[in-house]
Protein backbone atom coordinates (compact mmCIF):
# COMPACT_ATOMS: atom_id res chain seq x y z
CA MET A 1 152.03 98.54 132.75
CA LYS A 2 153.70 97.91 129.38
CA GLY A 3 151.58 96.96 126.30
CA PRO A 4 148.07 97.82 125.16
CA VAL A 5 145.15 98.08 127.47
CA ALA A 6 141.43 97.84 126.82
CA LEU A 7 138.58 99.89 128.32
CA VAL A 8 135.45 97.85 128.24
CA ASP A 9 132.02 100.00 128.80
CA CYS A 10 128.79 98.91 128.84
CA ASN A 11 126.59 101.07 126.70
CA ASN A 12 123.86 102.94 128.51
CA PHE A 13 124.12 100.65 131.36
CA TYR A 14 121.15 101.28 133.36
CA ALA A 15 118.75 101.37 130.30
CA SER A 16 120.40 98.39 128.97
CA CYS A 17 119.93 96.49 132.19
CA GLU A 18 116.32 97.04 132.02
CA ARG A 19 116.38 95.28 128.46
CA VAL A 20 118.04 92.21 129.54
CA PHE A 21 114.79 90.42 130.58
CA ASN A 22 112.37 92.76 128.52
CA PRO A 23 114.01 92.15 124.70
CA ASN A 24 110.69 93.26 123.33
CA MET A 25 111.92 96.68 124.47
CA GLU A 26 114.84 96.75 121.92
CA GLY A 27 114.41 99.87 120.04
CA VAL A 28 112.10 101.46 122.44
CA PRO A 29 113.41 104.79 124.03
CA ILE A 30 113.87 104.08 127.83
CA ILE A 31 114.47 106.33 130.85
CA VAL A 32 115.71 105.51 134.41
CA LEU A 33 114.84 108.00 137.26
CA SER A 34 116.83 108.79 140.45
CA ASN A 35 115.70 108.28 143.97
CA ASN A 36 112.10 109.16 144.49
CA ASP A 37 111.50 108.94 140.80
CA GLY A 38 112.78 112.33 140.34
CA MET A 39 115.44 113.14 137.87
CA ILE A 40 116.71 111.35 134.80
CA VAL A 41 119.90 109.56 135.35
CA ALA A 42 119.93 107.31 132.48
CA ARG A 43 118.61 107.02 128.91
CA SER A 44 118.68 104.69 125.98
CA ASN A 45 120.12 106.10 122.70
CA GLU A 46 116.31 106.23 121.42
CA ALA A 47 115.60 108.53 124.32
CA LYS A 48 118.55 110.65 123.68
CA ALA A 49 117.47 111.13 120.09
CA LEU A 50 114.15 112.56 121.48
CA GLY A 51 116.10 115.36 123.06
CA ILE A 52 115.57 113.87 126.53
CA LYS A 53 118.45 115.27 128.69
CA MET A 54 120.45 113.94 131.45
CA GLY A 55 119.52 115.19 134.92
CA GLU A 56 116.05 116.78 133.70
CA PRO A 57 113.37 116.31 136.05
CA LEU A 58 110.53 113.79 134.70
CA PHE A 59 107.54 116.32 134.91
CA LYS A 60 109.34 118.57 132.27
CA VAL A 61 109.51 116.02 129.58
CA ALA A 62 106.10 114.44 130.46
CA ASP A 63 104.74 115.39 127.22
CA ILE A 64 107.61 113.66 125.09
CA VAL A 65 106.96 110.46 127.20
CA ARG A 66 103.40 110.18 126.44
CA LYS A 67 103.88 111.22 122.83
CA HIS A 68 106.66 108.82 122.02
CA SER A 69 105.78 105.81 124.61
CA VAL A 70 108.84 106.27 126.45
CA LYS A 71 109.50 103.35 128.93
CA VAL A 72 110.06 104.89 132.32
CA PHE A 73 111.79 103.16 135.30
CA SER A 74 112.64 103.61 138.76
CA SER A 75 116.27 102.70 139.64
CA ASN A 76 116.69 99.09 140.56
CA TYR A 77 120.43 99.06 142.03
CA THR A 78 119.93 95.48 142.93
CA LEU A 79 119.64 94.41 139.48
CA TYR A 80 122.05 96.68 137.94
CA GLY A 81 124.75 95.35 140.67
CA ASP A 82 124.28 91.98 139.85
CA LEU A 83 124.40 92.10 136.04
CA SER A 84 127.56 94.31 136.74
CA HIS A 85 129.23 91.41 138.68
CA ARG A 86 128.29 89.24 135.90
CA VAL A 87 129.86 91.27 133.12
CA MET A 88 133.05 91.66 135.32
CA MET A 89 133.12 87.82 135.86
CA THR A 90 132.90 87.42 132.18
CA LEU A 91 135.55 89.86 131.37
CA GLU A 92 137.91 87.98 133.77
CA GLN A 93 137.82 84.86 131.50
CA PHE A 94 139.52 86.95 128.85
CA SER A 95 142.64 88.36 131.02
CA PRO A 96 144.14 87.48 134.38
CA ASN A 97 144.60 91.25 134.99
CA VAL A 98 141.07 93.28 135.25
CA GLU A 99 140.70 96.55 136.85
CA ILE A 100 136.94 97.07 137.67
CA TYR A 101 137.08 101.08 137.44
CA SER A 102 133.00 101.48 138.03
CA ILE A 103 129.70 99.80 137.78
CA ASP A 104 129.79 99.61 133.98
CA GLU A 105 133.36 100.19 133.23
CA ALA A 106 136.75 97.93 133.36
CA PHE A 107 140.34 98.21 132.08
CA ILE A 108 141.68 94.70 130.76
CA ASP A 109 145.61 94.30 130.41
CA LEU A 110 146.44 93.02 127.04
CA SER A 111 150.18 93.14 127.42
CA GLY A 112 150.45 89.44 127.14
CA PHE A 113 148.55 88.98 124.17
CA LYS A 114 150.69 90.73 121.78
CA TYR A 115 150.78 87.88 119.24
CA LYS A 116 146.91 87.63 119.18
CA ASP A 117 144.83 89.75 116.64
CA LEU A 118 143.49 92.25 119.29
CA ASP A 119 140.80 93.44 116.87
CA ALA A 120 139.01 89.96 116.82
CA TYR A 121 139.91 89.23 120.28
CA SER A 122 137.82 92.28 121.43
CA ARG A 123 134.93 91.19 119.07
CA GLU A 124 134.88 87.90 120.88
CA ILE A 125 135.02 89.63 124.03
CA LEU A 126 132.15 92.13 122.94
CA ALA A 127 130.19 88.81 121.62
CA THR A 128 130.70 86.58 124.75
CA VAL A 129 129.60 89.62 127.01
CA LYS A 130 126.43 89.94 125.22
CA LYS A 131 125.89 86.35 124.66
CA TRP A 132 126.47 85.29 128.70
CA THR A 133 124.66 88.53 130.39
CA GLY A 134 122.66 90.10 127.55
CA MET A 135 124.83 93.47 127.89
CA PRO A 136 126.03 95.49 124.74
CA VAL A 137 129.38 96.62 125.37
CA SER A 138 131.95 99.03 123.43
CA ILE A 139 135.78 98.37 123.63
CA GLY A 140 138.77 100.92 122.98
CA ILE A 141 142.25 99.70 122.98
CA ALA A 142 145.29 101.89 123.19
CA ASP A 143 148.91 102.09 124.86
CA THR A 144 147.56 104.02 127.74
CA LYS A 145 144.40 104.12 130.00
CA THR A 146 143.70 107.76 129.02
CA LEU A 147 144.07 107.05 125.26
CA ALA A 148 141.72 103.73 125.75
CA LYS A 149 139.18 106.25 127.19
CA ILE A 150 139.28 108.00 123.99
CA ALA A 151 139.13 105.16 121.88
CA ASN A 152 136.11 103.67 123.65
CA HIS A 153 134.31 106.84 123.15
CA ARG A 154 134.89 106.81 119.65
CA ALA A 155 134.09 102.94 119.38
CA LYS A 156 130.80 103.87 121.21
CA LYS A 157 129.70 106.86 119.10
CA ASP A 158 130.84 106.15 115.50
CA VAL A 159 128.71 102.96 114.26
CA ARG A 160 131.53 102.49 111.60
CA HIS A 161 133.64 100.73 114.32
CA LYS A 162 130.95 98.21 115.23
CA GLY A 163 131.67 98.64 118.90
CA VAL A 164 135.68 98.16 118.96
CA LEU A 165 138.38 100.72 118.07
CA ASN A 166 141.98 99.61 118.28
CA ILE A 167 144.49 102.48 118.51
CA ALA A 168 147.15 100.76 120.24
CA GLY A 169 150.72 101.06 118.44
CA VAL A 170 149.23 103.48 115.71
CA ALA A 171 151.90 106.10 114.89
CA ASP A 172 149.71 109.12 114.71
CA VAL A 173 146.76 109.22 116.77
CA ASN A 174 146.59 113.16 116.74
CA GLU A 175 143.15 112.73 114.45
CA TYR A 176 141.51 110.83 117.54
CA LEU A 177 142.92 113.74 119.86
CA ARG A 178 141.81 116.58 117.56
CA GLU A 179 138.15 115.11 117.55
CA THR A 180 138.20 115.12 121.34
CA GLU A 181 137.18 117.95 123.51
CA VAL A 182 139.74 118.78 126.06
CA GLY A 183 136.76 118.75 128.60
CA ASP A 184 136.15 115.02 127.54
CA VAL A 185 139.46 114.16 128.64
CA TRP A 186 139.89 111.65 131.40
CA GLY A 187 141.05 113.63 134.18
CA VAL A 188 140.35 117.09 133.25
CA GLY A 189 137.66 118.71 135.04
CA ARG A 190 135.35 121.61 134.73
CA GLN A 191 137.80 124.22 136.53
CA TYR A 192 140.80 122.91 134.27
CA THR A 193 138.51 123.11 131.28
CA LYS A 194 137.61 126.84 132.04
CA LEU A 195 141.57 127.21 132.62
CA LEU A 196 142.55 125.71 129.34
CA ASN A 197 139.92 127.24 127.25
CA ALA A 198 141.05 130.70 128.59
CA ARG A 199 144.45 129.63 127.15
CA GLN A 200 142.62 128.73 123.91
CA ILE A 201 143.19 125.15 124.53
CA TYR A 202 140.25 123.45 123.28
CA ASP A 203 140.81 119.94 122.14
CA ALA A 204 143.21 116.86 123.54
CA TYR A 205 145.95 117.47 120.88
CA GLN A 206 146.34 121.19 121.67
CA LEU A 207 146.93 120.00 125.21
CA THR A 208 149.50 117.53 124.11
CA GLN A 209 151.34 120.59 122.79
CA GLN A 210 151.71 122.42 125.97
CA ASN A 211 155.04 122.97 127.95
CA ASP A 212 155.30 120.40 130.68
CA LYS A 213 156.35 123.07 133.03
CA TRP A 214 153.34 125.08 132.56
CA ILE A 215 150.97 121.89 132.88
CA LYS A 216 152.77 120.93 136.13
CA LYS A 217 152.44 124.55 137.52
CA ASN A 218 148.86 125.07 136.72
CA MET A 219 147.46 121.40 136.77
CA THR A 220 149.74 119.67 138.98
CA VAL A 221 151.79 116.49 138.40
CA MET A 222 148.45 114.73 138.06
CA GLY A 223 147.64 116.82 135.16
CA LEU A 224 151.03 116.30 133.66
CA ARG A 225 150.39 112.61 133.80
CA THR A 226 147.16 112.75 131.79
CA VAL A 227 149.38 114.87 129.10
CA TYR A 228 152.05 111.81 128.90
CA GLU A 229 149.48 109.54 128.71
CA LEU A 230 147.94 111.27 125.81
CA ARG A 231 151.33 111.31 124.33
CA GLY A 232 151.30 107.67 124.62
CA ILE A 233 153.49 107.41 127.60
CA PRO A 234 151.69 104.82 130.18
CA CYS A 235 151.54 106.69 133.71
CA VAL A 236 148.46 105.32 135.04
CA GLU A 237 148.81 101.78 136.24
CA LEU A 238 145.85 99.33 136.41
CA GLU A 239 144.54 98.88 139.97
CA TYR A 240 143.48 95.26 140.46
CA MET A 241 142.86 95.69 144.29
CA ARG A 242 140.77 98.87 145.02
CA PRO A 243 141.76 100.84 147.59
CA ALA A 244 139.80 101.20 150.84
CA LYS A 245 137.49 104.12 151.13
CA LYS A 246 138.52 107.06 153.57
CA SER A 247 134.73 107.41 154.33
CA ILE A 248 131.43 105.98 153.28
CA VAL A 249 127.93 107.79 153.25
CA SER A 250 124.61 106.50 153.12
CA SER A 251 122.07 108.95 152.48
CA ARG A 252 118.52 109.24 150.47
CA SER A 253 115.66 111.80 150.11
CA PHE A 254 112.36 110.47 151.51
CA GLY A 255 109.77 109.24 149.43
CA ARG A 256 107.47 111.96 151.18
CA THR A 257 108.40 114.60 153.87
CA THR A 258 107.96 113.96 157.49
CA ALA A 259 107.99 115.77 160.71
CA SER A 260 108.06 112.51 162.67
CA ARG A 261 110.76 111.92 165.19
CA LYS A 262 110.35 108.24 164.96
CA ASP A 263 110.57 108.22 161.10
CA ILE A 264 113.84 110.18 161.46
CA GLN A 265 115.25 107.67 164.10
CA GLU A 266 114.31 104.81 161.91
CA SER A 267 115.81 106.10 158.84
CA VAL A 268 119.06 107.04 160.49
CA ALA A 269 119.35 103.43 161.90
CA PHE A 270 118.70 102.12 158.52
CA PHE A 271 121.52 104.22 156.87
CA THR A 272 123.62 103.35 159.76
CA THR A 273 123.03 99.59 159.01
CA VAL A 274 123.87 100.08 155.36
CA ALA A 275 126.88 102.18 155.91
CA SER A 276 128.22 99.66 158.40
CA GLU A 277 128.04 96.93 155.94
CA LYS A 278 129.74 98.50 153.30
CA MET A 279 132.42 99.26 155.70
CA ARG A 280 132.93 96.01 156.96
CA ARG A 281 133.36 94.69 153.53
CA GLN A 282 136.57 96.40 153.18
CA ASN A 283 137.73 95.36 156.76
CA SER A 284 137.76 98.68 158.25
CA LYS A 285 136.58 99.91 161.46
CA ALA A 286 135.00 103.77 162.05
CA THR A 287 136.24 106.20 164.65
CA VAL A 288 133.91 108.74 163.72
CA LEU A 289 130.18 108.73 162.75
CA MET A 290 128.19 111.92 161.62
CA VAL A 291 124.54 112.44 161.31
CA PHE A 292 123.00 115.03 159.10
CA LEU A 293 119.23 115.96 158.31
CA ARG A 294 117.69 118.67 156.21
CA THR A 295 114.28 119.90 155.06
CA ASN A 296 113.47 120.37 151.27
CA PRO A 297 115.38 123.72 150.27
CA PHE A 298 113.09 123.99 147.02
CA LYS A 299 110.08 124.20 149.10
CA THR A 300 108.50 127.34 150.84
CA THR A 301 108.20 125.61 154.17
CA PRO A 302 110.33 126.84 157.01
CA GLN A 303 113.93 125.36 156.50
CA TYR A 304 116.29 123.83 158.76
CA HIS A 305 119.38 121.85 158.16
CA ASN A 306 121.99 120.56 160.79
CA GLY A 307 124.53 117.60 161.30
CA VAL A 308 126.51 116.70 164.32
CA GLN A 309 129.71 114.72 164.45
CA VAL A 310 130.02 111.85 167.04
CA ARG A 311 133.65 110.45 167.91
CA LEU A 312 133.57 106.79 168.87
CA PRO A 313 135.41 106.06 172.22
CA VAL A 314 136.76 102.71 170.64
CA PRO A 315 137.09 101.88 166.77
CA THR A 316 134.31 99.78 165.76
CA ASP A 317 132.28 97.96 162.98
CA SER A 318 129.52 96.85 165.10
CA THR A 319 126.07 98.24 163.73
CA SER A 320 124.27 97.79 166.75
CA GLU A 321 126.79 100.15 168.36
CA MET A 322 126.88 102.67 165.86
CA ILE A 323 123.22 102.79 165.83
CA SER A 324 123.26 103.53 169.39
CA TYR A 325 125.44 106.52 168.85
CA ALA A 326 123.44 107.66 165.79
CA MET A 327 120.46 107.71 167.93
CA LYS A 328 122.38 110.04 170.27
CA GLY A 329 123.16 112.38 167.17
CA VAL A 330 119.55 112.51 166.41
CA GLU A 331 118.65 113.58 169.82
CA GLN A 332 121.21 116.43 169.37
CA ILE A 333 119.89 118.04 166.12
CA PHE A 334 116.23 116.99 165.63
CA ARG A 335 114.03 119.91 165.79
CA GLU A 336 110.21 119.69 166.35
CA GLY A 337 108.08 121.47 163.52
CA TYR A 338 109.85 120.90 160.70
CA GLN A 339 109.07 118.79 157.59
CA TYR A 340 112.37 116.66 156.79
CA HIS A 341 113.19 115.82 153.25
CA LYS A 342 116.53 113.77 153.73
CA VAL A 343 118.85 112.50 156.37
CA GLY A 344 122.34 110.67 156.03
CA VAL A 345 125.01 108.98 158.06
CA MET A 346 128.69 109.13 157.24
CA LEU A 347 131.18 106.84 158.77
CA THR A 348 135.08 108.05 158.68
CA GLY A 349 138.15 107.90 160.42
CA PHE A 350 138.71 104.24 159.33
CA VAL A 351 141.32 102.24 160.71
CA PRO A 352 142.16 98.50 159.70
CA LYS A 353 139.88 96.05 161.40
CA ASN A 354 142.90 94.10 162.61
CA HIS A 355 144.94 96.94 163.87
CA THR A 356 142.72 98.85 166.33
CA GLN A 357 143.84 100.41 169.51
CA MET A 358 141.57 99.52 172.55
CA SER A 359 140.56 101.22 175.69
CA MET A 360 141.31 100.10 179.05
CA PHE A 361 138.11 101.48 180.11
CA ASP A 362 136.08 99.96 177.50
CA ASN A 363 133.37 97.64 179.14
CA ILE A 364 131.67 96.18 175.96
CA ASP A 365 132.24 92.45 175.32
CA ARG A 366 133.90 92.98 171.94
CA ALA A 367 134.29 89.17 171.14
CA ARG A 368 130.33 88.78 171.68
CA GLN A 369 129.66 91.86 169.65
CA ASP A 370 131.87 90.49 167.08
CA ALA A 371 130.20 87.27 166.64
CA VAL A 372 126.78 88.60 166.60
CA THR A 373 127.88 91.07 163.76
CA LYS A 374 129.29 88.30 161.68
CA THR A 375 126.06 86.08 162.33
CA VAL A 376 123.89 88.80 160.86
CA ASP A 377 126.20 89.38 158.14
CA ARG A 378 126.27 85.54 157.26
CA ILE A 379 122.52 85.25 157.51
CA ASN A 380 121.68 88.15 155.34
CA MET A 381 124.45 86.93 152.74
CA GLU A 382 122.65 83.48 152.68
CA LEU A 383 119.08 84.49 152.70
CA GLY A 384 118.98 88.01 151.12
CA ALA A 385 119.63 91.18 152.19
CA GLY A 386 117.43 92.55 155.14
CA SER A 387 116.45 89.15 156.14
CA ILE A 388 117.37 89.75 159.73
CA HIS A 389 117.60 93.49 160.56
CA TYR A 390 117.72 95.60 163.91
CA ALA A 391 114.30 96.67 165.18
CA ALA A 392 115.55 100.34 165.36
CA THR A 393 115.44 100.49 161.45
CA GLY A 394 111.57 99.98 161.44
CA VAL A 395 109.26 97.55 159.73
CA LYS A 396 106.92 99.57 157.45
CA ARG A 397 109.45 102.15 156.98
CA GLU A 398 106.69 104.58 155.77
CA TRP A 399 109.32 107.34 154.72
CA LYS A 400 111.11 105.11 152.27
CA THR A 401 112.42 106.28 148.82
CA LYS A 402 109.44 106.41 146.19
CA ALA A 403 110.03 103.72 143.49
CA GLU A 404 106.87 103.12 141.75
CA ARG A 405 108.12 102.26 138.48
CA LYS A 406 111.08 99.42 139.73
CA SER A 407 111.35 96.52 137.57
CA PRO A 408 111.56 93.12 139.65
CA ARG A 409 115.04 92.03 140.82
CA TYR A 410 115.09 89.29 138.24
CA THR A 411 118.40 87.65 139.46
CA THR A 412 118.39 88.02 143.28
CA ASN A 413 114.97 87.47 144.62
CA TRP A 414 113.40 84.16 144.25
CA LYS A 415 109.74 85.54 144.46
CA GLU A 416 110.64 87.87 141.35
CA LEU A 417 112.26 85.42 138.98
CA PRO A 418 111.23 85.82 135.44
CA SER A 419 108.66 82.97 134.15
CA VAL A 420 108.43 81.48 130.89
CA GLY A 421 104.87 80.90 129.59
């Protein structure tokens, strides 16, 4: 990758999503809760100013919420995912090379725009994303992805930049490096932060001044690449195609604890369905399925947790087949007399869909199974997720995650479309 790269990051993404169809909440403190409405996973700037911390349980800030009329929402991942898609589609109007890094971040290759005023171009991007999707973003431009992360952080935090900071081609970026704590550098985790602090390395500039051999020895080649990136030497290319995941986990805590075998079976079947759909989207088949369950470790009730690994005789992407094996797994680890709080399913041992080794002893009609799977996926894609589902996943699903404060799915559900009075 030669030339500047921009990092576009949505500001307070979950909270901003809640504002898109509720403009009267502009300036109002907002918090978004985790599954089961337990922990705080997102905050607007106004909520941050009130001292509300990320990861804090809702009950601990109940007084602040009441006193300052903080708006509280359950996570609405359907809405967030769709708005994210709209943001990314908008960004692709400005460059043919966009790497979707996360649900609220994307890198844009600007190497072909060297004759453009990148500051003005970035402000056009910022304004267009806001106009077309309602989402506020910040943009950092630099000669490497790691420096673009730093520029983006400054653009977001310092109002003087008005959402855009361009440090590409700047001869001396040390000012920005000195103001960046080493633990905030992209690629430097908690353990490396402890290591570096012990060596009296506290900011990004100090990190760039270290000996390459010491960095490689103590932080591996990946750490050395990070240092080179901080020095303005591109080492991390844009990834236009995301690599396939090596494993997929689908798991949630229940809205209430349950001792029912039926609830456990239904929930495991449901999570198997979710995981298998994700796996098919990356054109993989699984050779290993894992099922796990546990009680609530924070309760004084009797505790139990267990898991089982099931090796599939033939690689498969069939939901119905995987549900049957998952049910066998439940029978092995389920124990009566416990109040279960969480279950989950993991699929792993992936192989490419079109390059799977079959078994001469396999008696399943794979062509028919594949046709059924494709039909179910197509119906759910055209009519909405869950329009047709396997009976094993249940109907009422009384175990399902609690989400009492969820906003409507404004963009993906006909019954929840916003209305204009």
